[in-house]
N, C-alpha and C. Protein backbone atom coordinates (compact mmCIF):
# COMPACT_ATOMS: atom_id res chain seq x y z
N MET A 1 -4.07 38.31 -152.53
CA MET A 1 -4.31 38.26 -151.11
C MET A 1 -4.84 39.59 -150.57
N GLN A 2 -4.30 40.67 -151.09
CA GLN A 2 -4.76 41.97 -150.66
C GLN A 2 -6.21 42.20 -151.05
N GLU A 3 -6.59 41.69 -152.18
CA GLU A 3 -7.98 41.83 -152.63
C GLU A 3 -8.93 41.10 -151.69
N ILE A 4 -8.53 39.93 -151.26
CA ILE A 4 -9.37 39.16 -150.34
C ILE A 4 -9.48 39.89 -149.00
N THR A 5 -8.37 40.43 -148.52
CA THR A 5 -8.39 41.17 -147.25
C THR A 5 -9.27 42.40 -147.38
N ALA A 6 -9.18 43.12 -148.48
CA ALA A 6 -10.01 44.30 -148.70
C ALA A 6 -11.49 43.91 -148.78
N MET A 7 -11.78 42.81 -149.43
CA MET A 7 -13.16 42.33 -149.55
C MET A 7 -13.72 41.97 -148.16
N VAL A 8 -12.93 41.29 -147.35
CA VAL A 8 -13.38 40.91 -146.01
C VAL A 8 -13.63 42.16 -145.17
N GLN A 9 -12.76 43.13 -145.26
CA GLN A 9 -12.94 44.38 -144.52
C GLN A 9 -14.20 45.11 -144.99
N THR A 10 -14.43 45.12 -146.28
CA THR A 10 -15.62 45.77 -146.83
C THR A 10 -16.88 45.08 -146.32
N TYR A 11 -16.89 43.76 -146.36
CA TYR A 11 -18.05 43.01 -145.86
C TYR A 11 -18.25 43.25 -144.36
N ARG A 12 -17.16 43.32 -143.61
CA ARG A 12 -17.25 43.56 -142.18
C ARG A 12 -17.84 44.95 -141.92
N ILE A 13 -17.40 45.94 -142.64
CA ILE A 13 -17.93 47.30 -142.48
C ILE A 13 -19.42 47.34 -142.84
N GLU A 14 -19.78 46.71 -143.96
CA GLU A 14 -21.20 46.66 -144.36
C GLU A 14 -22.03 45.93 -143.32
N ARG A 15 -21.50 44.83 -142.81
CA ARG A 15 -22.22 44.07 -141.79
C ARG A 15 -22.45 44.93 -140.55
N GLU A 16 -21.46 45.67 -140.12
CA GLU A 16 -21.60 46.54 -138.96
C GLU A 16 -22.64 47.63 -139.20
N ILE A 17 -22.65 48.18 -140.41
CA ILE A 17 -23.64 49.20 -140.76
C ILE A 17 -25.05 48.61 -140.71
N TYR A 18 -25.23 47.45 -141.31
CA TYR A 18 -26.55 46.79 -141.30
C TYR A 18 -26.97 46.38 -139.89
N GLU A 19 -25.99 45.90 -139.13
CA GLU A 19 -26.29 45.49 -137.76
C GLU A 19 -26.72 46.70 -136.92
N LYS A 20 -26.03 47.81 -137.09
CA LYS A 20 -26.38 49.04 -136.36
C LYS A 20 -27.78 49.51 -136.76
N ALA A 21 -28.07 49.50 -138.05
CA ALA A 21 -29.39 49.93 -138.53
C ALA A 21 -30.49 49.00 -137.99
N TYR A 22 -30.20 47.70 -138.00
CA TYR A 22 -31.17 46.73 -137.47
C TYR A 22 -31.44 46.99 -135.99
N ASN A 23 -30.37 47.19 -135.21
CA ASN A 23 -30.53 47.43 -133.77
C ASN A 23 -31.32 48.71 -133.51
N GLU A 24 -31.08 49.75 -134.30
CA GLU A 24 -31.84 51.00 -134.14
C GLU A 24 -33.32 50.77 -134.43
N LEU A 25 -33.61 50.07 -135.52
CA LEU A 25 -35.01 49.79 -135.85
C LEU A 25 -35.66 48.88 -134.82
N ASN A 26 -34.92 47.93 -134.33
CA ASN A 26 -35.45 47.02 -133.32
C ASN A 26 -35.78 47.78 -132.04
N ASN A 27 -34.90 48.68 -131.63
CA ASN A 27 -35.15 49.49 -130.43
C ASN A 27 -36.36 50.40 -130.61
N LYS A 28 -36.48 51.01 -131.80
CA LYS A 28 -37.65 51.85 -132.07
C LYS A 28 -38.93 51.03 -132.05
N SER A 29 -38.86 49.83 -132.59
CA SER A 29 -40.02 48.95 -132.60
C SER A 29 -40.44 48.57 -131.18
N LYS A 30 -39.48 48.24 -130.34
CA LYS A 30 -39.78 47.88 -128.96
C LYS A 30 -40.36 49.08 -128.20
N GLU A 31 -39.82 50.26 -128.45
CA GLU A 31 -40.32 51.47 -127.81
C GLU A 31 -41.76 51.75 -128.24
N TYR A 32 -42.02 51.62 -129.53
CA TYR A 32 -43.37 51.83 -130.05
C TYR A 32 -44.35 50.82 -129.44
N THR A 33 -43.92 49.57 -129.35
CA THR A 33 -44.78 48.53 -128.77
C THR A 33 -45.10 48.84 -127.32
N SER A 34 -44.11 49.26 -126.55
CA SER A 34 -44.36 49.58 -125.14
C SER A 34 -45.28 50.80 -125.01
N GLN A 35 -45.13 51.78 -125.90
CA GLN A 35 -46.03 52.94 -125.87
C GLN A 35 -47.46 52.52 -126.18
N GLN A 36 -47.64 51.66 -127.15
CA GLN A 36 -48.98 51.22 -127.52
C GLN A 36 -49.61 50.39 -126.40
N GLU A 37 -48.82 49.56 -125.75
CA GLU A 37 -49.34 48.78 -124.62
C GLU A 37 -49.78 49.70 -123.50
N LYS A 38 -49.00 50.74 -123.24
CA LYS A 38 -49.35 51.71 -122.20
C LYS A 38 -50.65 52.43 -122.57
N ARG A 39 -50.77 52.85 -123.82
CA ARG A 39 -51.99 53.53 -124.26
C ARG A 39 -53.20 52.61 -124.17
N LEU A 40 -53.04 51.34 -124.51
CA LEU A 40 -54.15 50.40 -124.41
C LEU A 40 -54.58 50.18 -122.96
N LYS A 41 -53.60 50.09 -122.04
CA LYS A 41 -53.94 49.94 -120.63
C LYS A 41 -54.70 51.16 -120.13
N GLU A 42 -54.26 52.35 -120.51
CA GLU A 42 -54.95 53.58 -120.11
C GLU A 42 -56.37 53.60 -120.67
N LEU A 43 -56.51 53.19 -121.92
CA LEU A 43 -57.83 53.16 -122.55
C LEU A 43 -58.74 52.16 -121.85
N GLU A 44 -58.22 50.99 -121.51
CA GLU A 44 -59.01 49.99 -120.79
C GLU A 44 -59.45 50.52 -119.43
N GLU A 45 -58.55 51.24 -118.74
CA GLU A 45 -58.91 51.80 -117.44
C GLU A 45 -60.04 52.83 -117.58
N VAL A 46 -59.95 53.68 -118.59
CA VAL A 46 -60.99 54.69 -118.81
C VAL A 46 -62.32 54.02 -119.15
N ILE A 47 -62.28 53.02 -120.00
CA ILE A 47 -63.50 52.31 -120.38
C ILE A 47 -64.11 51.62 -119.16
N ASN A 48 -63.27 51.00 -118.33
CA ASN A 48 -63.79 50.33 -117.13
C ASN A 48 -64.40 51.33 -116.16
N LEU A 49 -63.78 52.49 -116.00
CA LEU A 49 -64.36 53.53 -115.13
C LEU A 49 -65.71 54.00 -115.65
N GLU A 50 -65.79 54.23 -116.96
CA GLU A 50 -67.05 54.65 -117.55
C GLU A 50 -68.12 53.56 -117.39
N ARG A 51 -67.72 52.32 -117.58
CA ARG A 51 -68.65 51.20 -117.44
C ARG A 51 -69.17 51.11 -116.00
N ASP A 52 -68.27 51.27 -115.03
CA ASP A 52 -68.68 51.24 -113.63
C ASP A 52 -69.64 52.38 -113.31
N ASP A 53 -69.33 53.58 -113.81
CA ASP A 53 -70.24 54.71 -113.59
C ASP A 53 -71.60 54.45 -114.23
N TRP A 54 -71.59 53.88 -115.42
CA TRP A 54 -72.85 53.58 -116.10
C TRP A 54 -73.67 52.57 -115.29
N ARG A 55 -73.01 51.55 -114.77
CA ARG A 55 -73.71 50.54 -113.97
C ARG A 55 -74.30 51.16 -112.70
N LYS A 56 -73.55 52.06 -112.07
CA LYS A 56 -74.07 52.74 -110.88
C LYS A 56 -75.30 53.56 -111.22
N GLU A 57 -75.28 54.24 -112.37
CA GLU A 57 -76.44 55.02 -112.78
C GLU A 57 -77.65 54.12 -113.04
N ILE A 58 -77.41 52.97 -113.65
CA ILE A 58 -78.50 52.03 -113.90
C ILE A 58 -79.09 51.55 -112.58
N ARG A 59 -78.22 51.22 -111.62
CA ARG A 59 -78.71 50.79 -110.31
C ARG A 59 -79.52 51.88 -109.63
N LYS A 60 -79.03 53.12 -109.72
CA LYS A 60 -79.77 54.23 -109.12
C LYS A 60 -81.14 54.40 -109.78
N ALA A 61 -81.17 54.28 -111.09
CA ALA A 61 -82.41 54.48 -111.81
C ALA A 61 -83.43 53.39 -111.49
N ARG A 62 -82.98 52.20 -111.21
CA ARG A 62 -83.88 51.09 -110.92
C ARG A 62 -84.22 50.97 -109.44
N ALA A 63 -83.50 51.64 -108.60
CA ALA A 63 -83.72 51.54 -107.16
C ALA A 63 -84.99 52.29 -106.77
N PRO A 64 -85.66 51.80 -105.76
CA PRO A 64 -86.86 52.51 -105.31
C PRO A 64 -86.47 53.85 -104.70
N GLY A 65 -87.42 54.77 -104.76
CA GLY A 65 -87.18 56.09 -104.19
C GLY A 65 -88.47 56.63 -103.60
N ILE A 66 -88.35 57.76 -102.99
CA ILE A 66 -89.52 58.42 -102.43
C ILE A 66 -89.95 59.48 -103.44
N GLY A 67 -91.22 59.50 -103.74
CA GLY A 67 -91.69 60.47 -104.72
C GLY A 67 -93.18 60.66 -104.68
N ILE A 68 -93.62 61.54 -105.55
CA ILE A 68 -95.05 61.82 -105.70
C ILE A 68 -95.54 61.05 -106.91
N PHE A 69 -96.72 60.48 -106.78
CA PHE A 69 -97.27 59.72 -107.89
C PHE A 69 -98.74 60.08 -108.07
N ALA A 70 -99.20 59.86 -109.28
CA ALA A 70 -100.61 60.10 -109.59
C ALA A 70 -101.03 59.09 -110.63
N GLY A 71 -102.30 58.67 -110.57
CA GLY A 71 -102.77 57.72 -111.55
C GLY A 71 -104.10 57.12 -111.15
N PRO A 72 -104.59 56.24 -111.99
CA PRO A 72 -105.88 55.61 -111.69
C PRO A 72 -105.71 54.52 -110.64
N ALA A 73 -106.76 54.30 -109.88
CA ALA A 73 -106.77 53.26 -108.86
C ALA A 73 -108.18 52.71 -108.73
N VAL A 74 -108.28 51.48 -108.29
CA VAL A 74 -109.57 50.85 -108.07
C VAL A 74 -109.81 50.84 -106.56
N SER A 75 -110.91 51.41 -106.15
CA SER A 75 -111.21 51.46 -104.71
C SER A 75 -111.79 50.13 -104.25
N ALA A 76 -112.02 50.02 -102.95
CA ALA A 76 -112.52 48.78 -102.35
C ALA A 76 -113.91 48.41 -102.87
N ASN A 77 -114.70 49.40 -103.21
CA ASN A 77 -116.04 49.08 -103.70
C ASN A 77 -116.09 48.90 -105.22
N GLY A 78 -114.92 48.94 -105.90
CA GLY A 78 -114.87 48.67 -107.32
C GLY A 78 -114.87 49.89 -108.21
N ASP A 79 -114.96 51.08 -107.65
CA ASP A 79 -114.93 52.30 -108.46
C ASP A 79 -113.50 52.63 -108.87
N VAL A 80 -113.37 53.17 -110.08
CA VAL A 80 -112.08 53.63 -110.57
C VAL A 80 -111.97 55.11 -110.22
N GLU A 81 -110.90 55.45 -109.55
CA GLU A 81 -110.71 56.82 -109.11
C GLU A 81 -109.30 57.29 -109.50
N VAL A 82 -109.13 58.60 -109.57
CA VAL A 82 -107.81 59.19 -109.78
C VAL A 82 -107.24 59.46 -108.41
N VAL A 83 -106.02 59.00 -108.18
CA VAL A 83 -105.40 59.20 -106.87
C VAL A 83 -104.08 59.94 -107.02
N ILE A 84 -103.77 60.68 -106.01
CA ILE A 84 -102.50 61.41 -105.93
C ILE A 84 -101.92 61.10 -104.55
N GLY A 85 -100.62 60.85 -104.50
CA GLY A 85 -100.05 60.53 -103.21
C GLY A 85 -98.54 60.64 -103.21
N ALA A 86 -97.98 60.34 -102.10
CA ALA A 86 -96.52 60.34 -101.93
C ALA A 86 -96.15 59.02 -101.26
N GLY A 87 -95.00 58.53 -101.60
CA GLY A 87 -94.56 57.28 -101.00
C GLY A 87 -93.40 56.68 -101.74
N VAL A 88 -93.22 55.41 -101.57
CA VAL A 88 -92.13 54.68 -102.23
C VAL A 88 -92.56 54.38 -103.66
N VAL A 89 -91.71 54.72 -104.60
CA VAL A 89 -92.02 54.50 -106.01
C VAL A 89 -90.88 53.73 -106.66
N TRP A 90 -91.23 52.95 -107.68
CA TRP A 90 -90.25 52.23 -108.49
C TRP A 90 -90.38 52.68 -109.92
N ARG A 91 -89.26 52.73 -110.58
CA ARG A 91 -89.27 53.06 -111.99
C ARG A 91 -89.48 51.76 -112.76
N ILE A 92 -90.48 51.75 -113.63
CA ILE A 92 -90.80 50.53 -114.37
C ILE A 92 -89.96 50.45 -115.65
N PHE A 93 -89.83 51.52 -116.36
CA PHE A 93 -89.11 51.52 -117.63
C PHE A 93 -87.92 52.42 -117.57
């Protein structure tokens, strides 16, 4: 009978040790997961900010502006002339 009682106590102690180790690992795992989720959210925010800035730059680049231009032109009588001027310009490429 004493052997059985000692065996049960030994198993109980081992179970408590394993349970404690499991709980510690589980808590570390949950902490790591929450840290990674936080890092991913921060990364997504940074990427979205960069994407928004990039889109604004593209819009600015494609928007008409005031500038100086020079190039060939065909006059009313059909002659090709070089012209220089200022006015509203669009970026083609």
